[in-house]
Amino acid sequence: MYNPLRLAVLIPCYNEEVAIGTVVRDFQRVLPQATIYVFDNNSRDRTVDIARSHGAVVRHVPLQGKGNVMRRMFADIEADIYILVDGDDTYHAQSSPQMIDTLLDEGLDMVVGRRKSTEVESYRLGHRLGNRMLTGFVAQLFGRRFTDMLSGYRVFSRRYVKSFPALARGFETETELTVHALELRMPVTEVDTPYKARPEGSFSKLNTIRDGIRILNTILRLFRLERPLLFFGLISLLLALLAIGLATPLALTYIETGLVPRLPTALLATGLGILSSLSLTCGLILENVTQTRQEARRLIYLGIPSVARSPLPGDPPAGRTA
């Protein structure tokens, strides 16, 4: 169906001996022309042996963490279309052709598998609420284009993968994937896909509180890096309000008596005012730096050809120029 395009299924794995064989087998059946890559992250069970016995190409990543695995996968694998899926057998392999077709037909750079489940065990309440909160936070900062930001099931174009910096180390990498697309204003969408519980004997490596804090920290870091004027502007506003709140009673007293009775408070208000000005100045300078960096990233992204299968709406007919 997709010849001559090269398809690569990327499966990051850590101790998934119970599920990895089924995942590899399902994607081999659904996408027979794709190469299945299993990137093992120091598994202590039989994950590697089982994946290799099912015909997957196995690579090893010694640095622990899903983000480190993503960095290696995107750097090492050459393909036209990349299908990223977890190795825990919770995602629906049969949805991948629809996701690929959507990416090709609409000329997109990323299609996210939006998880739909009726099983309580498949999507714990804490994870569901955390996903909604983090997705909403990112939507407020970078734009509301996703409803399942933390999904581990995605299809990418080559120009997305080769322009992605991959700086995260752990499970916060999904946040980084989302923000990268939003910052470069890439054409993206979501496709509903069934989501099921892990097979019996398989255990999640995600810690709701610990990894939620890491993801939130990543969002704040990206907020500072990608929206510096807003970030430092809010800090400047907060400091300015504190300075005004402290200085107002002193100013009224000075007007009435000509005296400044609380000198330490006056010094504190002055210092807060200076810090407010410095914060705003930092935001203005960093905003220009960020804009230059975003332009450079955009040019790198545009330098990689699209993999759209058919003419997009508005394109001129064959044989004619725009």
C-alpha atoms as a PDB file:
ATOM      1  CA  MET A   1       0.000   0.000   0.000  1.00  0.00           C
ATOM      2  CA  TYR A   2       2.790   2.433   0.874  1.00  0.00           C
ATOM      3  CA  ASN A   3       5.520   1.541  -1.617  1.00  0.00           C
ATOM      4  CA  PRO A   4       8.022   3.038  -2.237  1.00  0.00           C
ATOM      5  CA  LEU A   5       7.846   4.723   1.163  1.00  0.00           C
ATOM      6  CA  ARG A   6      10.001   3.306   3.939  1.00  0.00           C
ATOM      7  CA  LEU A   7       8.046   2.533   7.131  1.00  0.00           C
ATOM      8  CA  ALA A   8       9.681   2.060  10.521  1.00  0.00           C
ATOM      9  CA  VAL A   9       7.849   0.883  13.643  1.00  0.00           C
ATOM     10  CA  LEU A  10       9.763   2.121  16.699  1.00  0.00           C
ATOM     11  CA  ILE A  11       9.137   0.304  19.990  1.00  0.00           C
ATOM     12  CA  PRO A  12      10.932   1.526  23.135  1.00  0.00           C
ATOM     13  CA  CYS A  13      11.103  -1.306  25.689  1.00  0.00           C
ATOM     14  CA  TYR A  14      12.055  -1.949  29.281  1.00  0.00           C
ATOM     15  CA  ASN A  15      11.192  -5.328  30.827  1.00  0.00           C
ATOM     16  CA  GLU A  16       8.298  -6.163  28.481  1.00  0.00           C
ATOM     17  CA  GLU A  17       8.833  -9.902  27.956  1.00  0.00           C
ATOM     18  CA  VAL A  18       5.124 -10.609  28.523  1.00  0.00           C
ATOM     19  CA  ALA A  19       3.891  -8.220  25.831  1.00  0.00           C
ATOM     20  CA  ILE A  20       6.646  -7.546  23.290  1.00  0.00           C
ATOM     21  CA  GLY A  21       6.101 -10.689  21.219  1.00  0.00           C
ATOM     22  CA  THR A  22       2.433  -9.829  20.653  1.00  0.00           C
ATOM     23  CA  VAL A  23       3.259  -6.209  19.739  1.00  0.00           C
ATOM     24  CA  VAL A  24       5.858  -7.222  17.158  1.00  0.00           C
ATOM     25  CA  ARG A  25       3.630  -9.921  15.682  1.00  0.00           C
ATOM     26  CA  ASP A  26       0.600  -7.598  15.416  1.00  0.00           C
ATOM     27  CA  PHE A  27       2.498  -4.869  13.588  1.00  0.00           C
ATOM     28  CA  GLN A  28       4.153  -7.386  11.268  1.00  0.00           C
ATOM     29  CA  ARG A  29       0.696  -8.595  10.288  1.00  0.00           C
ATOM     30  CA  VAL A  30      -0.829  -5.124   9.857  1.00  0.00           C
ATOM     31  CA  LEU A  31       2.223  -3.459   8.230  1.00  0.00           C
ATOM     32  CA  PRO A  32       4.135  -6.266   6.490  1.00  0.00           C
ATOM     33  CA  GLN A  33       6.321  -3.809   4.537  1.00  0.00           C
ATOM     34  CA  ALA A  34       7.497  -2.003   7.697  1.00  0.00           C
ATOM     35  CA  THR A  35      10.719  -2.709   9.565  1.00  0.00           C
ATOM     36  CA  ILE A  36      10.074  -3.350  13.262  1.00  0.00           C
ATOM     37  CA  TYR A  37      12.702  -1.874  15.593  1.00  0.00           C
ATOM     38  CA  VAL A  38      12.806  -2.694  19.305  1.00  0.00           C
ATOM     39  CA  PHE A  39      15.036  -0.359  21.298  1.00  0.00           C
ATOM     40  CA  ASP A  40      15.813  -2.098  24.572  1.00  0.00           C
ATOM     41  CA  ASN A  41      16.606   0.086  27.582  1.00  0.00           C
ATOM     42  CA  ASN A  42      18.568  -2.274  29.862  1.00  0.00           C
ATOM     43  CA  SER A  43      15.849  -4.895  30.302  1.00  0.00           C
ATOM     44  CA  ARG A  44      16.606  -7.543  32.898  1.00  0.00           C
ATOM     45  CA  ASP A  45      14.165 -10.120  31.539  1.00  0.00           C
ATOM     46  CA  ARG A  46      13.806 -11.915  28.162  1.00  0.00           C
ATOM     47  CA  THR A  47      12.533  -8.888  26.214  1.00  0.00           C
ATOM     48  CA  VAL A  48      15.484  -8.884  23.797  1.00  0.00           C
ATOM     49  CA  ASP A  49      15.391 -12.626  23.078  1.00  0.00           C
ATOM     50  CA  ILE A  50      11.627 -12.649  22.489  1.00  0.00           C
ATOM     51  CA  ALA A  51      11.700  -9.560  20.243  1.00  0.00           C
ATOM     52  CA  ARG A  52      14.534 -10.993  18.167  1.00  0.00           C
ATOM     53  CA  SER A  53      12.845 -14.395  17.881  1.00  0.00           C
ATOM     54  CA  HIS A  54       9.778 -12.676  16.391  1.00  0.00           C
ATOM     55  CA  GLY A  55      11.864 -10.998  13.702  1.00  0.00           C
ATOM     56  CA  ALA A  56      12.350  -7.516  15.156  1.00  0.00           C
ATOM     57  CA  VAL A  57      15.574  -5.567  14.721  1.00  0.00           C
ATOM     58  CA  VAL A  58      16.883  -5.037  18.259  1.00  0.00           C
ATOM     59  CA  ARG A  59      19.010  -2.070  19.311  1.00  0.00           C
ATOM     60  CA  HIS A  60      20.379  -1.322  22.788  1.00  0.00           C
ATOM     61  CA  VAL A  61      20.276   2.045  24.585  1.00  0.00           C
ATOM     62  CA  PRO A  62      22.415   2.091  27.773  1.00  0.00           C
ATOM     63  CA  LEU A  63      21.229   5.494  29.086  1.00  0.00           C
ATOM     64  CA  GLN A  64      18.109   4.839  31.162  1.00  0.00           C
ATOM     65  CA  GLY A  65      14.900   6.710  30.363  1.00  0.00           C
ATOM     66  CA  LYS A  66      12.365   6.849  27.543  1.00  0.00           C
ATOM     67  CA  GLY A  67      13.608  10.244  26.408  1.00  0.00           C
ATOM     68  CA  ASN A  68      17.108   8.857  25.927  1.00  0.00           C
ATOM     69  CA  VAL A  69      15.640   6.004  23.895  1.00  0.00           C
ATOM     70  CA  MET A  70      13.686   8.464  21.721  1.00  0.00           C
ATOM     71  CA  ARG A  71      16.851  10.420  21.009  1.00  0.00           C
ATOM     72  CA  ARG A  72      18.623   7.311  19.732  1.00  0.00           C
ATOM     73  CA  MET A  73      15.645   6.063  17.719  1.00  0.00           C
ATOM     74  CA  PHE A  74      15.124   9.341  15.885  1.00  0.00           C
ATOM     75  CA  ALA A  75      18.853   9.790  15.259  1.00  0.00           C
ATOM     76  CA  ASP A  76      19.667   6.270  14.070  1.00  0.00           C
ATOM     77  CA  ILE A  77      16.673   5.153  11.994  1.00  0.00           C
ATOM     78  CA  GLU A  78      16.205   6.336   8.409  1.00  0.00           C
ATOM     79  CA  ALA A  79      12.645   6.135   7.080  1.00  0.00           C
ATOM     80  CA  ASP A  80       9.902   8.170   5.430  1.00  0.00           C
ATOM     81  CA  ILE A  81       7.192   7.397   7.993  1.00  0.00           C
ATOM     82  CA  TYR A  82       7.778   6.519  11.638  1.00  0.00           C
ATOM     83  CA  ILE A  83       5.243   4.701  13.829  1.00  0.00           C
ATOM     84  CA  LEU A  84       5.987   5.084  17.532  1.00  0.00           C
ATOM     85  CA  VAL A  85       4.257   2.671  19.920  1.00  0.00           C
ATOM     86  CA  ASP A  86       4.913   1.403  23.437  1.00  0.00           C
ATOM     87  CA  GLY A  87       5.872  -2.222  23.896  1.00  0.00           C
ATOM     88  CA  ASP A  88       3.232  -2.988  26.534  1.00  0.00           C
ATOM     89  CA  ASP A  89       0.494  -4.265  24.163  1.00  0.00           C
ATOM     90  CA  THR A  90      -2.019  -1.592  25.177  1.00  0.00           C
ATOM     91  CA  TYR A  91      -2.308   0.080  21.766  1.00  0.00           C
ATOM     92  CA  HIS A  92      -4.276  -1.073  18.732  1.00  0.00           C
ATOM     93  CA  ALA A  93      -1.977  -2.105  15.883  1.00  0.00           C
ATOM     94  CA  GLN A  94      -4.921  -2.237  13.448  1.00  0.00           C
ATOM     95  CA  SER A  95      -5.315   1.562  13.823  1.00  0.00           C
ATOM     96  CA  SER A  96      -1.877   2.259  12.323  1.00  0.00           C
ATOM     97  CA  PRO A  97      -2.954   2.115   8.618  1.00  0.00           C
ATOM     98  CA  GLN A  98      -5.670   4.694   9.310  1.00  0.00           C
ATOM     99  CA  MET A  99      -3.162   6.932  11.089  1.00  0.00           C
ATOM    100  CA  ILE A 100      -0.662   6.593   8.224  1.00  0.00           C
ATOM    101  CA  ASP A 101      -3.340   7.258   5.600  1.00  0.00           C
ATOM    102  CA  THR A 102      -4.422  10.374   7.487  1.00  0.00           C
ATOM    103  CA  LEU A 103      -0.853  11.630   7.619  1.00  0.00           C
ATOM    104  CA  LEU A 104      -0.278  10.997   3.897  1.00  0.00           C
ATOM    105  CA  ASP A 105      -3.631  12.171   2.541  1.00  0.00           C
ATOM    106  CA  GLU A 106      -3.696  15.405   4.546  1.00  0.00           C
ATOM    107  CA  GLY A 107       0.020  16.176   4.322  1.00  0.00           C
ATOM    108  CA  LEU A 108       0.514  16.097   8.094  1.00  0.00           C
ATOM    109  CA  ASP A 109       3.646  15.785  10.179  1.00  0.00           C
ATOM    110  CA  MET A 110       2.214  14.031  13.228  1.00  0.00           C
ATOM    111  CA  VAL A 111      -0.890  11.955  13.956  1.00  0.00           C
ATOM    112  CA  VAL A 112      -1.550  11.159  17.625  1.00  0.00           C
ATOM    113  CA  GLY A 113      -3.506   8.077  18.650  1.00  0.00           C
ATOM    114  CA  ARG A 114      -6.181   9.483  20.964  1.00  0.00           C
ATOM    115  CA  ARG A 115      -6.874   6.740  23.483  1.00  0.00           C
ATOM    116  CA  LYS A 116     -10.439   5.486  23.864  1.00  0.00           C
ATOM    117  CA  SER A 117     -11.083   2.809  26.462  1.00  0.00           C
ATOM    118  CA  THR A 118     -14.012   1.251  28.297  1.00  0.00           C
ATOM    119  CA  GLU A 119     -11.797  -0.798  30.616  1.00  0.00           C
ATOM    120  CA  VAL A 120     -11.130   0.773  34.012  1.00  0.00           C
ATOM    121  CA  GLU A 121      -7.841  -1.113  34.391  1.00  0.00           C
ATOM    122  CA  SER A 122      -6.429   0.186  31.119  1.00  0.00           C
ATOM    123  CA  TYR A 123      -6.420   3.866  32.019  1.00  0.00           C
ATOM    124  CA  ARG A 124      -6.219   4.533  35.753  1.00  0.00           C
ATOM    125  CA  LEU A 125      -8.141   7.509  37.142  1.00  0.00           C
ATOM    126  CA  GLY A 126      -4.986   9.231  38.406  1.00  0.00           C
ATOM    127  CA  HIS A 127      -3.345   8.995  34.984  1.00  0.00           C
ATOM    128  CA  ARG A 128      -6.516  10.172  33.249  1.00  0.00           C
ATOM    129  CA  LEU A 129      -6.884  13.234  35.488  1.00  0.00           C
ATOM    130  CA  GLY A 130      -3.181  14.023  35.270  1.00  0.00           C
ATOM    131  CA  ASN A 131      -3.303  13.796  31.482  1.00  0.00           C
ATOM    132  CA  ARG A 132      -6.258  16.185  31.337  1.00  0.00           C
ATOM    133  CA  MET A 133      -4.605  18.694  33.654  1.00  0.00           C
ATOM    134  CA  LEU A 134      -1.277  18.666  31.818  1.00  0.00           C
ATOM    135  CA  THR A 135      -2.950  18.756  28.403  1.00  0.00           C
ATOM    136  CA  GLY A 136      -5.026  21.737  29.508  1.00  0.00           C
ATOM    137  CA  PHE A 137      -1.951  23.506  30.863  1.00  0.00           C
ATOM    138  CA  VAL A 138      -0.093  23.056  27.578  1.00  0.00           C
ATOM    139  CA  ALA A 139      -3.189  24.200  25.670  1.00  0.00           C
ATOM    140  CA  GLN A 140      -3.223  27.465  27.611  1.00  0.00           C
ATOM    141  CA  LEU A 141       0.452  28.089  26.935  1.00  0.00           C
ATOM    142  CA  PHE A 142       0.915  26.834  23.392  1.00  0.00           C
ATOM    143  CA  GLY A 143      -2.542  26.404  21.828  1.00  0.00           C
ATOM    144  CA  ARG A 144      -5.380  23.882  22.096  1.00  0.00           C
ATOM    145  CA  ARG A 145      -4.752  21.322  19.356  1.00  0.00           C
ATOM    146  CA  PHE A 146      -4.489  18.096  21.370  1.00  0.00           C
ATOM    147  CA  THR A 147      -6.754  16.343  23.852  1.00  0.00           C
ATOM    148  CA  ASP A 148      -4.440  13.384  24.662  1.00  0.00           C
ATOM    149  CA  MET A 149      -1.009  14.934  24.924  1.00  0.00           C
ATOM    150  CA  LEU A 150       0.606  11.974  26.702  1.00  0.00           C
ATOM    151  CA  SER A 151      -0.369   9.258  24.241  1.00  0.00           C
ATOM    152  CA  GLY A 152       2.529   6.941  23.371  1.00  0.00           C
ATOM    153  CA  TYR A 153       1.046   6.001  19.973  1.00  0.00           C
ATOM    154  CA  ARG A 154       2.023   8.377  17.167  1.00  0.00           C
ATOM    155  CA  VAL A 155       2.845   8.484  13.478  1.00  0.00           C
ATOM    156  CA  PHE A 156       5.464  10.990  12.256  1.00  0.00           C
ATOM    157  CA  SER A 157       6.725  12.286   8.957  1.00  0.00           C
ATOM    158  CA  ARG A 158      10.451  12.252   8.309  1.00  0.00           C
ATOM    159  CA  ARG A 159      10.704  16.028   8.518  1.00  0.00           C
ATOM    160  CA  TYR A 160       9.181  15.967  12.001  1.00  0.00           C
ATOM    161  CA  VAL A 161      11.590  13.309  13.263  1.00  0.00           C
ATOM    162  CA  LYS A 162      14.718  14.862  11.796  1.00  0.00           C
ATOM    163  CA  SER A 163      13.875  18.337  13.114  1.00  0.00           C
ATOM    164  CA  PHE A 164      13.037  17.160  16.652  1.00  0.00           C
ATOM    165  CA  PRO A 165      15.791  18.051  19.186  1.00  0.00           C
ATOM    166  CA  ALA A 166      14.862  15.311  21.747  1.00  0.00           C
ATOM    167  CA  LEU A 167      16.200  16.844  24.961  1.00  0.00           C
ATOM    168  CA  ALA A 168      14.058  14.997  27.528  1.00  0.00           C
ATOM    169  CA  ARG A 169      15.343  12.009  29.483  1.00  0.00           C
ATOM    170  CA  GLY A 170      12.255  10.203  30.760  1.00  0.00           C
ATOM    171  CA  PHE A 171       8.486   9.975  30.293  1.00  0.00           C
ATOM    172  CA  GLU A 172       8.265  13.741  29.818  1.00  0.00           C
ATOM    173  CA  THR A 173       9.316  13.145  26.219  1.00  0.00           C
ATOM    174  CA  GLU A 174       5.635  13.039  25.103  1.00  0.00           C
ATOM    175  CA  THR A 175       5.255  16.617  26.336  1.00  0.00           C
ATOM    176  CA  GLU A 176       8.310  17.614  24.341  1.00  0.00           C
ATOM    177  CA  LEU A 177       6.933  15.913  21.224  1.00  0.00           C
ATOM    178  CA  THR A 178       3.705  17.886  21.515  1.00  0.00           C
ATOM    179  CA  VAL A 179       5.285  21.272  22.183  1.00  0.00           C
ATOM    180  CA  HIS A 180       7.711  20.838  19.274  1.00  0.00           C
ATOM    181  CA  ALA A 181       4.787  20.470  16.864  1.00  0.00           C
ATOM    182  CA  LEU A 182       2.919  23.404  18.402  1.00  0.00           C
ATOM    183  CA  GLU A 183       5.925  25.717  18.341  1.00  0.00           C
ATOM    184  CA  LEU A 184       6.680  25.087  14.653  1.00  0.00           C
ATOM    185  CA  ARG A 185       2.937  25.247  13.841  1.00  0.00           C
ATOM    186  CA  MET A 186       3.110  21.865  12.137  1.00  0.00           C
ATOM    187  CA  PRO A 187       0.002  20.325  10.554  1.00  0.00           C
ATOM    188  CA  VAL A 188      -1.118  17.692  13.065  1.00  0.00           C
ATOM    189  CA  THR A 189      -4.260  15.855  14.134  1.00  0.00           C
ATOM    190  CA  GLU A 190      -5.565  13.116  16.429  1.00  0.00           C
ATOM    191  CA  VAL A 191      -7.213   9.811  15.480  1.00  0.00           C
ATOM    192  CA  ASP A 192      -9.283   7.771  17.922  1.00  0.00           C
ATOM    193  CA  THR A 193      -7.785   4.382  18.712  1.00  0.00           C
ATOM    194  CA  PRO A 194      -8.816   1.624  21.164  1.00  0.00           C
ATOM    195  CA  TYR A 195      -6.768   1.401  24.345  1.00  0.00           C
ATOM    196  CA  LYS A 196      -6.693  -1.743  26.447  1.00  0.00           C
ATOM    197  CA  ALA A 197      -5.268  -2.958  29.730  1.00  0.00           C
ATOM    198  CA  ARG A 198      -1.803  -4.425  29.970  1.00  0.00           C
ATOM    199  CA  PRO A 199      -1.643  -8.221  29.654  1.00  0.00           C
ATOM    200  CA  GLU A 200      -1.591 -10.178  32.906  1.00  0.00           C
ATOM    201  CA  GLY A 201       1.890 -10.292  34.393  1.00  0.00           C
ATOM    202  CA  SER A 202       2.952  -6.976  32.824  1.00  0.00           C
ATOM    203  CA  PHE A 203       3.503  -3.912  35.016  1.00  0.00           C
ATOM    204  CA  SER A 204       3.565  -0.193  34.249  1.00  0.00           C
ATOM    205  CA  LYS A 205       6.801   1.707  34.804  1.00  0.00           C
ATOM    206  CA  LEU A 206       4.947   5.027  35.085  1.00  0.00           C
ATOM    207  CA  ASN A 207       4.707   6.583  38.535  1.00  0.00           C
ATOM    208  CA  THR A 208       1.762   8.978  38.596  1.00  0.00           C
ATOM    209  CA  ILE A 209       3.197  11.492  41.085  1.00  0.00           C
ATOM    210  CA  ARG A 210       6.903  11.315  40.251  1.00  0.00           C
ATOM    211  CA  ASP A 211       6.506  11.377  36.483  1.00  0.00           C
ATOM    212  CA  GLY A 212       3.693  13.927  36.723  1.00  0.00           C
ATOM    213  CA  ILE A 213       6.072  16.289  38.543  1.00  0.00           C
ATOM    214  CA  ARG A 214       8.712  15.692  35.881  1.00  0.00           C
ATOM    215  CA  ILE A 215       6.237  16.430  33.102  1.00  0.00           C
ATOM    216  CA  LEU A 216       5.055  19.595  34.858  1.00  0.00           C
ATOM    217  CA  ASN A 217       8.680  20.664  35.291  1.00  0.00           C
ATOM    218  CA  THR A 218       9.225  20.086  31.558  1.00  0.00           C
ATOM    219  CA  ILE A 219       6.202  22.244  30.732  1.00  0.00           C
ATOM    220  CA  LEU A 220       7.528  25.068  32.917  1.00  0.00           C
ATOM    221  CA  ARG A 221      10.981  24.755  31.354  1.00  0.00           C
ATOM    222  CA  LEU A 222       9.526  24.873  27.856  1.00  0.00           C
ATOM    223  CA  PHE A 223       7.342  27.825  28.907  1.00  0.00           C
ATOM    224  CA  ARG A 224      10.462  29.693  29.989  1.00  0.00           C
ATOM    225  CA  LEU A 225      12.371  28.791  26.834  1.00  0.00           C
ATOM    226  CA  GLU A 226       9.599  29.243  24.276  1.00  0.00           C
ATOM    227  CA  ARG A 227       7.582  32.103  25.856  1.00  0.00           C
ATOM    228  CA  PRO A 228      10.244  34.101  27.712  1.00  0.00           C
ATOM    229  CA  LEU A 229       8.498  37.482  27.473  1.00  0.00           C
ATOM    230  CA  LEU A 230       5.305  36.084  29.002  1.00  0.00           C
ATOM    231  CA  PHE A 231       7.221  34.060  31.598  1.00  0.00           C
ATOM    232  CA  PHE A 232       9.446  36.891  32.813  1.00  0.00           C
ATOM    233  CA  GLY A 233       6.661  39.421  32.260  1.00  0.00           C
ATOM    234  CA  LEU A 234       4.486  37.585  34.796  1.00  0.00           C
ATOM    235  CA  ILE A 235       7.364  37.555  37.279  1.00  0.00           C
ATOM    236  CA  SER A 236       7.941  41.259  36.634  1.00  0.00           C
ATOM    237  CA  LEU A 237       4.251  42.004  37.216  1.00  0.00           C
ATOM    238  CA  LEU A 238       4.226  40.052  40.488  1.00  0.00           C
ATOM    239  CA  LEU A 239       7.312  41.872  41.767  1.00  0.00           C
ATOM    240  CA  ALA A 240       5.897  45.229  40.693  1.00  0.00           C
ATOM    241  CA  LEU A 241       2.632  44.584  42.552  1.00  0.00           C
ATOM    242  CA  LEU A 242       4.541  43.633  45.704  1.00  0.00           C
ATOM    243  CA  ALA A 243       6.681  46.766  45.417  1.00  0.00           C
ATOM    244  CA  ILE A 244       3.613  48.975  44.923  1.00  0.00           C
ATOM    245  CA  GLY A 245       1.823  47.317  47.847  1.00  0.00           C
ATOM    246  CA  LEU A 246       4.765  48.031  50.168  1.00  0.00           C
ATOM    247  CA  ALA A 247       5.477  51.522  48.852  1.00  0.00           C
ATOM    248  CA  THR A 248       1.926  52.915  48.845  1.00  0.00           C
ATOM    249  CA  PRO A 249       1.585  53.356  52.668  1.00  0.00           C
ATOM    250  CA  LEU A 250       5.083  54.845  52.790  1.00  0.00           C
ATOM    251  CA  ALA A 251       4.255  57.297  50.018  1.00  0.00           C
ATOM    252  CA  LEU A 252       1.056  58.407  51.759  1.00  0.00           C
ATOM    253  CA  THR A 253       2.948  58.913  55.034  1.00  0.00           C
ATOM    254  CA  TYR A 254       5.653  60.886  53.257  1.00  0.00           C
ATOM    255  CA  ILE A 255       3.056  63.152  51.612  1.00  0.00           C
ATOM    256  CA  GLU A 256       1.423  63.852  54.963  1.00  0.00           C
ATOM    257  CA  THR A 257       4.499  64.228  57.175  1.00  0.00           C
ATOM    258  CA  GLY A 258       7.500  64.537  54.874  1.00  0.00           C
ATOM    259  CA  LEU A 259       9.087  61.577  56.684  1.00  0.00           C
ATOM    260  CA  VAL A 260       9.880  57.969  55.770  1.00  0.00           C
ATOM    261  CA  PRO A 261       9.427  56.139  59.088  1.00  0.00           C
ATOM    262  CA  ARG A 262      10.099  52.558  57.858  1.00  0.00           C
ATOM    263  CA  LEU A 263      13.392  52.723  55.974  1.00  0.00           C
ATOM    264  CA  PRO A 264      13.881  48.895  55.613  1.00  0.00           C
ATOM    265  CA  THR A 265      10.433  48.606  53.994  1.00  0.00           C
ATOM    266  CA  ALA A 266      11.304  51.448  51.618  1.00  0.00           C
ATOM    267  CA  LEU A 267      14.548  49.710  50.653  1.00  0.00           C
ATOM    268  CA  LEU A 268      12.689  46.433  50.103  1.00  0.00           C
ATOM    269  CA  ALA A 269      10.114  48.128  47.866  1.00  0.00           C
ATOM    270  CA  THR A 270      12.902  49.797  45.883  1.00  0.00           C
ATOM    271  CA  GLY A 271      14.715  46.480  45.449  1.00  0.00           C
ATOM    272  CA  LEU A 272      11.549  44.744  44.271  1.00  0.00           C
ATOM    273  CA  GLY A 273      10.973  47.533  41.744  1.00  0.00           C
ATOM    274  CA  ILE A 274      14.507  47.126  40.392  1.00  0.00           C
ATOM    275  CA  LEU A 275      14.098  43.355  40.149  1.00  0.00           C
ATOM    276  CA  SER A 276      10.793  43.854  38.326  1.00  0.00           C
ATOM    277  CA  SER A 277      12.492  46.048  35.745  1.00  0.00           C
ATOM    278  CA  LEU A 278      15.359  43.567  35.323  1.00  0.00           C
ATOM    279  CA  SER A 279      12.932  40.674  34.855  1.00  0.00           C
ATOM    280  CA  LEU A 280      11.035  42.527  32.148  1.00  0.00           C
ATOM    281  CA  THR A 281      14.307  43.447  30.423  1.00  0.00           C
ATOM    282  CA  CYS A 282      15.421  39.788  30.474  1.00  0.00           C
ATOM    283  CA  GLY A 283      12.107  38.763  28.930  1.00  0.00           C
ATOM    284  CA  LEU A 284      12.450  41.297  26.101  1.00  0.00           C
ATOM    285  CA  ILE A 285      16.007  40.205  25.294  1.00  0.00           C
ATOM    286  CA  LEU A 286      15.255  36.483  25.466  1.00  0.00           C
ATOM    287  CA  GLU A 287      12.143  36.937  23.306  1.00  0.00           C
ATOM    288  CA  ASN A 288      14.359  38.152  20.450  1.00  0.00           C
ATOM    289  CA  VAL A 289      16.771  35.257  20.995  1.00  0.00           C
ATOM    290  CA  THR A 290      13.886  32.764  21.008  1.00  0.00           C
ATOM    291  CA  GLN A 291      12.424  34.189  17.810  1.00  0.00           C
ATOM    292  CA  THR A 292      15.779  33.813  16.047  1.00  0.00           C
ATOM    293  CA  ARG A 293      16.115  30.238  17.308  1.00  0.00           C
ATOM    294  CA  GLN A 294      12.581  29.371  16.187  1.00  0.00           C
ATOM    295  CA  GLU A 295      13.268  30.772  12.720  1.00  0.00           C
ATOM    296  CA  ALA A 296      16.375  28.573  12.448  1.00  0.00           C
ATOM    297  CA  ARG A 297      14.401  25.494  13.544  1.00  0.00           C
ATOM    298  CA  ARG A 298      11.660  26.324  11.066  1.00  0.00           C
ATOM    299  CA  LEU A 299      14.156  26.559   8.204  1.00  0.00           C
ATOM    300  CA  ILE A 300      15.636  23.171   9.144  1.00  0.00           C
ATOM    301  CA  TYR A 301      12.126  21.708   9.213  1.00  0.00           C
ATOM    302  CA  LEU A 302      11.212  23.183   5.815  1.00  0.00           C
ATOM    303  CA  GLY A 303      14.432  21.837   4.305  1.00  0.00           C
ATOM    304  CA  ILE A 304      13.111  18.263   4.617  1.00  0.00           C
ATOM    305  CA  PRO A 305      10.581  17.173   1.925  1.00  0.00           C
ATOM    306  CA  SER A 306       6.992  16.340   2.799  1.00  0.00           C
ATOM    307  CA  VAL A 307       5.644  12.803   2.315  1.00  0.00           C
ATOM    308  CA  ALA A 308       2.095  13.802   1.292  1.00  0.00           C
ATOM    309  CA  ARG A 309       0.674  11.054  -0.950  1.00  0.00           C
ATOM    310  CA  SER A 310      -1.762  13.156  -2.967  1.00  0.00           C
ATOM    311  CA  PRO A 311      -2.187  16.838  -3.899  1.00  0.00           C
ATOM    312  CA  LEU A 312      -3.450  18.886  -0.980  1.00  0.00           C
ATOM    313  CA  PRO A 313      -6.544  21.102  -1.178  1.00  0.00           C
ATOM    314  CA  GLY A 314      -5.701  24.273  -3.107  1.00  0.00           C
ATOM    315  CA  ASP A 315      -2.737  22.778  -4.993  1.00  0.00           C
ATOM    316  CA  PRO A 316      -2.719  23.527  -8.756  1.00  0.00           C
ATOM    317  CA  PRO A 317      -3.535  20.659 -11.148  1.00  0.00           C
ATOM    318  CA  ALA A 318      -0.645  18.651 -12.596  1.00  0.00           C
ATOM    319  CA  GLY A 319       1.134  20.466 -15.385  1.00  0.00           C
ATOM    320  CA  ARG A 320       0.303  23.915 -14.035  1.00  0.00           C
ATOM    321  CA  THR A 321       2.188  26.160 -11.667  1.00  0.00           C
ATOM    322  CA  ALA A 322       0.723  28.177  -8.826  1.00  0.00           C
END
